[in-house]
Amino acid sequence: MSTLMFYTERAAECRRDAEEATLTNVRDRCLSAAEAWENMADRARRTQSYRDAHVVEKDPPGE
C-alpha cells in the first residue's frame, strides 16, 4: 500500500466516523483528523509530482 493510498483511506475513515458520531466534539475531532490526513495526502501528491518532473528533467525521454 502506498503512502498516498494510506493517507487517503485514513481521511475517508475519519469522515465516515464523523458522519456516525452523535457527539459534537467527537464529530469535530474526526473532521479535524480527516483534514489533517487530506493535507498529508496533498503533500504526498505534490512531492510525487515534483519527483516525477525532476526525473524527466534529469533524463528526458528519447535519450
PDB file of N, CA and C in Angstrom:
ATOM      1  N   MET A   1       0.852  -1.169   0.000  1.00  0.00           N
ATOM      2  CA  MET A   1       0.000   0.000   0.000  1.00  0.00           C
ATOM      3  C   MET A   1       0.901   1.237   0.000  1.00  0.00           C
ATOM      4  N   SER A   2       0.591   2.143  -0.892  1.00  0.00           N
ATOM      5  CA  SER A   2       1.391   3.362  -0.970  1.00  0.00           C
ATOM      6  C   SER A   2       1.028   4.310   0.174  1.00  0.00           C
ATOM      7  N   THR A   3       1.924   5.201   0.441  1.00  0.00           N
ATOM      8  CA  THR A   3       1.691   6.197   1.487  1.00  0.00           C
ATOM      9  C   THR A   3       0.486   7.056   1.148  1.00  0.00           C
ATOM     10  N   LEU A   4       0.388   7.465  -0.118  1.00  0.00           N
ATOM     11  CA  LEU A   4      -0.737   8.290  -0.553  1.00  0.00           C
ATOM     12  C   LEU A   4      -2.061   7.558  -0.342  1.00  0.00           C
ATOM     13  N   MET A   5      -2.108   6.289  -0.698  1.00  0.00           N
ATOM     14  CA  MET A   5      -3.324   5.498  -0.515  1.00  0.00           C
ATOM     15  C   MET A   5      -3.667   5.387   0.972  1.00  0.00           C
ATOM     16  N   PHE A   6      -2.650   5.177   1.799  1.00  0.00           N
ATOM     17  CA  PHE A   6      -2.865   5.084   3.240  1.00  0.00           C
ATOM     18  C   PHE A   6      -3.483   6.372   3.775  1.00  0.00           C
ATOM     19  N   TYR A   7      -2.916   7.522   3.400  1.00  0.00           N
ATOM     20  CA  TYR A   7      -3.440   8.805   3.855  1.00  0.00           C
ATOM     21  C   TYR A   7      -4.875   9.006   3.398  1.00  0.00           C
ATOM     22  N   THR A   8      -5.151   8.670   2.153  1.00  0.00           N
ATOM     23  CA  THR A   8      -6.495   8.852   1.593  1.00  0.00           C
ATOM     24  C   THR A   8      -7.512   7.961   2.303  1.00  0.00           C
ATOM     25  N   GLU A   9      -7.127   6.732   2.572  1.00  0.00           N
ATOM     26  CA  GLU A   9      -8.034   5.815   3.272  1.00  0.00           C
ATOM     27  C   GLU A   9      -8.305   6.274   4.702  1.00  0.00           C
ATOM     28  N   ARG A  10      -7.271   6.772   5.382  1.00  0.00           N
ATOM     29  CA  ARG A  10      -7.478   7.262   6.749  1.00  0.00           C
ATOM     30  C   ARG A  10      -8.422   8.474   6.755  1.00  0.00           C
ATOM     31  N   ALA A  11      -8.276   9.360   5.770  1.00  0.00           N
ATOM     32  CA  ALA A  11      -9.152  10.530   5.676  1.00  0.00           C
ATOM     33  C   ALA A  11     -10.602  10.089   5.482  1.00  0.00           C
ATOM     34  N   ALA A  12     -10.819   9.128   4.603  1.00  0.00           N
ATOM     35  CA  ALA A  12     -12.169   8.626   4.349  1.00  0.00           C
ATOM     36  C   ALA A  12     -12.744   7.967   5.602  1.00  0.00           C
ATOM     37  N   GLU A  13     -11.909   7.228   6.303  1.00  0.00           N
ATOM     38  CA  GLU A  13     -12.349   6.577   7.540  1.00  0.00           C
ATOM     39  C   GLU A  13     -12.764   7.614   8.582  1.00  0.00           C
ATOM     40  N   CYS A  14     -11.991   8.666   8.713  1.00  0.00           N
ATOM     41  CA  CYS A  14     -12.328   9.721   9.674  1.00  0.00           C
ATOM     42  C   CYS A  14     -13.623  10.433   9.280  1.00  0.00           C
ATOM     43  N   ARG A  15     -13.838  10.636   7.987  1.00  0.00           N
ATOM     44  CA  ARG A  15     -15.084  11.259   7.515  1.00  0.00           C
ATOM     45  C   ARG A  15     -16.284  10.361   7.848  1.00  0.00           C
ATOM     46  N   ARG A  16     -16.138   9.056   7.637  1.00  0.00           N
ATOM     47  CA  ARG A  16     -17.223   8.125   7.993  1.00  0.00           C
ATOM     48  C   ARG A  16     -17.493   8.164   9.492  1.00  0.00           C
ATOM     49  N   ASP A  17     -16.424   8.174  10.280  1.00  0.00           N
ATOM     50  CA  ASP A  17     -16.593   8.250  11.736  1.00  0.00           C
ATOM     51  C   ASP A  17     -17.309   9.533  12.137  1.00  0.00           C
ATOM     52  N   ALA A  18     -17.003  10.628  11.464  1.00  0.00           N
ATOM     53  CA  ALA A  18     -17.649  11.910  11.765  1.00  0.00           C
ATOM     54  C   ALA A  18     -19.137  11.851  11.458  1.00  0.00           C
ATOM     55  N   GLU A  19     -19.491  11.196  10.356  1.00  0.00           N
ATOM     56  CA  GLU A  19     -20.903  11.080   9.990  1.00  0.00           C
ATOM     57  C   GLU A  19     -21.685  10.257  11.009  1.00  0.00           C
ATOM     58  N   GLU A  20     -21.021   9.277  11.609  1.00  0.00           N
ATOM     59  CA  GLU A  20     -21.675   8.393  12.568  1.00  0.00           C
ATOM     60  C   GLU A  20     -21.671   8.950  13.988  1.00  0.00           C
ATOM     61  N   ALA A  21     -20.873   9.955  14.240  1.00  0.00           N
ATOM     62  CA  ALA A  21     -20.728  10.480  15.603  1.00  0.00           C
ATOM     63  C   ALA A  21     -22.003  11.192  16.048  1.00  0.00           C
ATOM     64  N   THR A  22     -22.362  10.979  17.295  1.00  0.00           N
ATOM     65  CA  THR A  22     -23.533  11.652  17.854  1.00  0.00           C
ATOM     66  C   THR A  22     -23.127  12.847  18.703  1.00  0.00           C
ATOM     67  N   LEU A  23     -21.906  12.849  19.176  1.00  0.00           N
ATOM     68  CA  LEU A  23     -21.424  13.960  19.995  1.00  0.00           C
ATOM     69  C   LEU A  23     -20.673  14.965  19.115  1.00  0.00           C
ATOM     70  N   THR A  24     -20.953  16.233  19.357  1.00  0.00           N
ATOM     71  CA  THR A  24     -20.347  17.292  18.560  1.00  0.00           C
ATOM     72  C   THR A  24     -18.827  17.281  18.652  1.00  0.00           C
ATOM     73  N   ASN A  25     -18.297  17.115  19.850  1.00  0.00           N
ATOM     74  CA  ASN A  25     -16.836  17.145  19.997  1.00  0.00           C
ATOM     75  C   ASN A  25     -16.166  15.972  19.286  1.00  0.00           C
ATOM     76  N   VAL A  26     -16.821  14.831  19.263  1.00  0.00           N
ATOM     77  CA  VAL A  26     -16.275  13.666  18.565  1.00  0.00           C
ATOM     78  C   VAL A  26     -16.315  13.911  17.056  1.00  0.00           C
ATOM     79  N   ARG A  27     -17.434  14.451  16.572  1.00  0.00           N
ATOM     80  CA  ARG A  27     -17.563  14.771  15.147  1.00  0.00           C
ATOM     81  C   ARG A  27     -16.487  15.772  14.736  1.00  0.00           C
ATOM     82  N   ASP A  28     -16.297  16.817  15.544  1.00  0.00           N
ATOM     83  CA  ASP A  28     -15.284  17.834  15.249  1.00  0.00           C
ATOM     84  C   ASP A  28     -13.883  17.240  15.235  1.00  0.00           C
ATOM     85  N   ARG A  29     -13.607  16.357  16.181  1.00  0.00           N
ATOM     86  CA  ARG A  29     -12.297  15.711  16.235  1.00  0.00           C
ATOM     87  C   ARG A  29     -12.065  14.857  14.992  1.00  0.00           C
ATOM     88  N   CYS A  30     -13.077  14.126  14.572  1.00  0.00           N
ATOM     89  CA  CYS A  30     -12.949  13.285  13.377  1.00  0.00           C
ATOM     90  C   CYS A  30     -12.757  14.131  12.122  1.00  0.00           C
ATOM     91  N   LEU A  31     -13.487  15.228  12.013  1.00  0.00           N
ATOM     92  CA  LEU A  31     -13.340  16.103  10.857  1.00  0.00           C
ATOM     93  C   LEU A  31     -11.963  16.761  10.836  1.00  0.00           C
ATOM     94  N   SER A  32     -11.473  17.113  12.005  1.00  0.00           N
ATOM     95  CA  SER A  32     -10.138  17.698  12.096  1.00  0.00           C
ATOM     96  C   SER A  32      -9.075  16.675  11.668  1.00  0.00           C
ATOM     97  N   ALA A  33      -9.240  15.449  12.114  1.00  0.00           N
ATOM     98  CA  ALA A  33      -8.304  14.393  11.733  1.00  0.00           C
ATOM     99  C   ALA A  33      -8.383  14.131  10.235  1.00  0.00           C
ATOM    100  N   ALA A  34      -9.590  14.121   9.667  1.00  0.00           N
ATOM    101  CA  ALA A  34      -9.752  13.905   8.226  1.00  0.00           C
ATOM    102  C   ALA A  34      -9.045  15.003   7.447  1.00  0.00           C
ATOM    103  N   GLU A  35      -9.170  16.227   7.888  1.00  0.00           N
ATOM    104  CA  GLU A  35      -8.500  17.345   7.222  1.00  0.00           C
ATOM    105  C   GLU A  35      -6.979  17.181   7.278  1.00  0.00           C
ATOM    106  N   ALA A  36      -6.473  16.751   8.422  1.00  0.00           N
ATOM    107  CA  ALA A  36      -5.030  16.539   8.560  1.00  0.00           C
ATOM    108  C   ALA A  36      -4.556  15.440   7.612  1.00  0.00           C
ATOM    109  N   TRP A  37      -5.291  14.327   7.529  1.00  0.00           N
ATOM    110  CA  TRP A  37      -4.921  13.243   6.616  1.00  0.00           C
ATOM    111  C   TRP A  37      -4.969  13.716   5.165  1.00  0.00           C
ATOM    112  N   GLU A  38      -5.980  14.516   4.825  1.00  0.00           N
ATOM    113  CA  GLU A  38      -6.090  15.036   3.463  1.00  0.00           C
ATOM    114  C   GLU A  38      -4.928  15.973   3.135  1.00  0.00           C
ATOM    115  N   ASN A  39      -4.515  16.769   4.099  1.00  0.00           N
ATOM    116  CA  ASN A  39      -3.353  17.648   3.894  1.00  0.00           C
ATOM    117  C   ASN A  39      -2.093  16.826   3.649  1.00  0.00           C
ATOM    118  N   MET A  40      -1.929  15.750   4.401  1.00  0.00           N
ATOM    119  CA  MET A  40      -0.763  14.885   4.195  1.00  0.00           C
ATOM    120  C   MET A  40      -0.820  14.227   2.823  1.00  0.00           C
ATOM    121  N   ALA A  41      -2.011  13.820   2.384  1.00  0.00           N
ATOM    122  CA  ALA A  41      -2.165  13.217   1.059  1.00  0.00           C
ATOM    123  C   ALA A  41      -1.828  14.238  -0.032  1.00  0.00           C
ATOM    124  N   ASP A  42      -2.288  15.464   0.130  1.00  0.00           N
ATOM    125  CA  ASP A  42      -1.975  16.520  -0.838  1.00  0.00           C
ATOM    126  C   ASP A  42      -0.470  16.752  -0.922  1.00  0.00           C
ATOM    127  N   ARG A  43       0.176  16.786   0.236  1.00  0.00           N
ATOM    128  CA  ARG A  43       1.628  16.969   0.266  1.00  0.00           C
ATOM    129  C   ARG A  43       2.345  15.812  -0.434  1.00  0.00           C
ATOM    130  N   ALA A  44       1.860  14.607  -0.204  1.00  0.00           N
ATOM    131  CA  ALA A  44       2.465  13.430  -0.844  1.00  0.00           C
ATOM    132  C   ALA A  44       2.281  13.500  -2.366  1.00  0.00           C
ATOM    133  N   ARG A  45       1.098  13.944  -2.829  1.00  0.00           N
ATOM    134  CA  ARG A  45       0.852  14.089  -4.272  1.00  0.00           C
ATOM    135  C   ARG A  45       1.808  15.114  -4.882  1.00  0.00           C
ATOM    136  N   ARG A  46       1.937  16.268  -4.218  1.00  0.00           N
ATOM    137  CA  ARG A  46       2.840  17.315  -4.719  1.00  0.00           C
ATOM    138  C   ARG A  46       4.277  16.811  -4.773  1.00  0.00           C
ATOM    139  N   THR A  47       4.705  16.141  -3.730  1.00  0.00           N
ATOM    140  CA  THR A  47       6.069  15.612  -3.677  1.00  0.00           C
ATOM    141  C   THR A  47       6.306  14.641  -4.825  1.00  0.00           C
ATOM    142  N   GLN A  48       5.340  13.755  -5.068  1.00  0.00           N
ATOM    143  CA  GLN A  48       5.491  12.791  -6.151  1.00  0.00           C
ATOM    144  C   GLN A  48       5.537  13.486  -7.505  1.00  0.00           C
ATOM    145  N   SER A  49       4.724  14.514  -7.699  1.00  0.00           N
ATOM    146  CA  SER A  49       4.743  15.215  -8.988  1.00  0.00           C
ATOM    147  C   SER A  49       6.069  15.954  -9.176  1.00  0.00           C
ATOM    148  N   TYR A  50       6.627  16.526  -8.099  1.00  0.00           N
ATOM    149  CA  TYR A  50       7.936  17.174  -8.185  1.00  0.00           C
ATOM    150  C   TYR A  50       9.017  16.154  -8.521  1.00  0.00           C
ATOM    151  N   ARG A  51       8.944  14.994  -7.901  1.00  0.00           N
ATOM    152  CA  ARG A  51       9.925  13.938  -8.181  1.00  0.00           C
ATOM    153  C   ARG A  51       9.822  13.486  -9.639  1.00  0.00           C
ATOM    154  N   ASP A  52       8.592  13.294 -10.101  1.00  0.00           N
ATOM    155  CA  ASP A  52       8.392  12.867 -11.489  1.00  0.00           C
ATOM    156  C   ASP A  52       8.943  13.912 -12.455  1.00  0.00           C
ATOM    157  N   ALA A  53       8.702  15.187 -12.176  1.00  0.00           N
ATOM    158  CA  ALA A  53       9.199  16.254 -13.041  1.00  0.00           C
ATOM    159  C   ALA A  53      10.719  16.292 -13.021  1.00  0.00           C
ATOM    160  N   HIS A  54      11.305  16.059 -11.870  1.00  0.00           N
ATOM    161  CA  HIS A  54      12.754  16.074 -11.742  1.00  0.00           C
ATOM    162  C   HIS A  54      13.386  14.944 -12.543  1.00  0.00           C
ATOM    163  N   VAL A  55      12.779  13.787 -12.527  1.00  0.00           N
ATOM    164  CA  VAL A  55      13.291  12.639 -13.279  1.00  0.00           C
ATOM    165  C   VAL A  55      13.247  12.952 -14.764  1.00  0.00           C
ATOM    166  N   VAL A  56      12.172  13.583 -15.243  1.00  0.00           N
ATOM    167  CA  VAL A  56      12.052  13.932 -16.655  1.00  0.00           C
ATOM    168  C   VAL A  56      13.133  14.948 -17.038  1.00  0.00           C
ATOM    169  N   GLU A  57      13.373  15.933 -16.188  1.00  0.00           N
ATOM    170  CA  GLU A  57      14.403  16.923 -16.472  1.00  0.00           C
ATOM    171  C   GLU A  57      15.793  16.290 -16.500  1.00  0.00           C
ATOM    172  N   LYS A  58      16.011  15.367 -15.578  1.00  0.00           N
ATOM    173  CA  LYS A  58      17.321  14.740 -15.445  1.00  0.00           C
ATOM    174  C   LYS A  58      17.584  13.742 -16.581  1.00  0.00           C
ATOM    175  N   ASP A  59      16.556  13.031 -16.978  1.00  0.00           N
ATOM    176  CA  ASP A  59      16.682  12.008 -18.011  1.00  0.00           C
ATOM    177  C   ASP A  59      15.522  12.133 -18.988  1.00  0.00           C
ATOM    178  N   PRO A  60      15.610  13.088 -19.941  1.00  0.00           N
ATOM    179  CA  PRO A  60      14.494  13.299 -20.876  1.00  0.00           C
ATOM    180  C   PRO A  60      14.217  12.064 -21.706  1.00  0.00           C
ATOM    181  N   PRO A  61      12.935  11.857 -22.058  1.00  0.00           N
ATOM    182  CA  PRO A  61      12.589  10.696 -22.862  1.00  0.00           C
ATOM    183  C   PRO A  61      13.274  10.756 -24.230  1.00  0.00           C
ATOM    184  N   GLY A  62      13.628   9.617 -24.764  1.00  0.00           N
ATOM    185  CA  GLY A  62      14.248   9.547 -26.069  1.00  0.00           C
ATOM    186  C   GLY A  62      15.754   9.650 -26.053  1.00  0.00           C
ATOM    187  N   GLU A  63      16.323   9.797 -24.890  1.00  0.00           N
ATOM    188  CA  GLU A  63      17.795   9.888 -24.806  1.00  0.00           C
ATOM    189  C   GLU A  63      18.363   8.677 -24.136  1.00  0.00           C
TER     190      GLU A  63
END
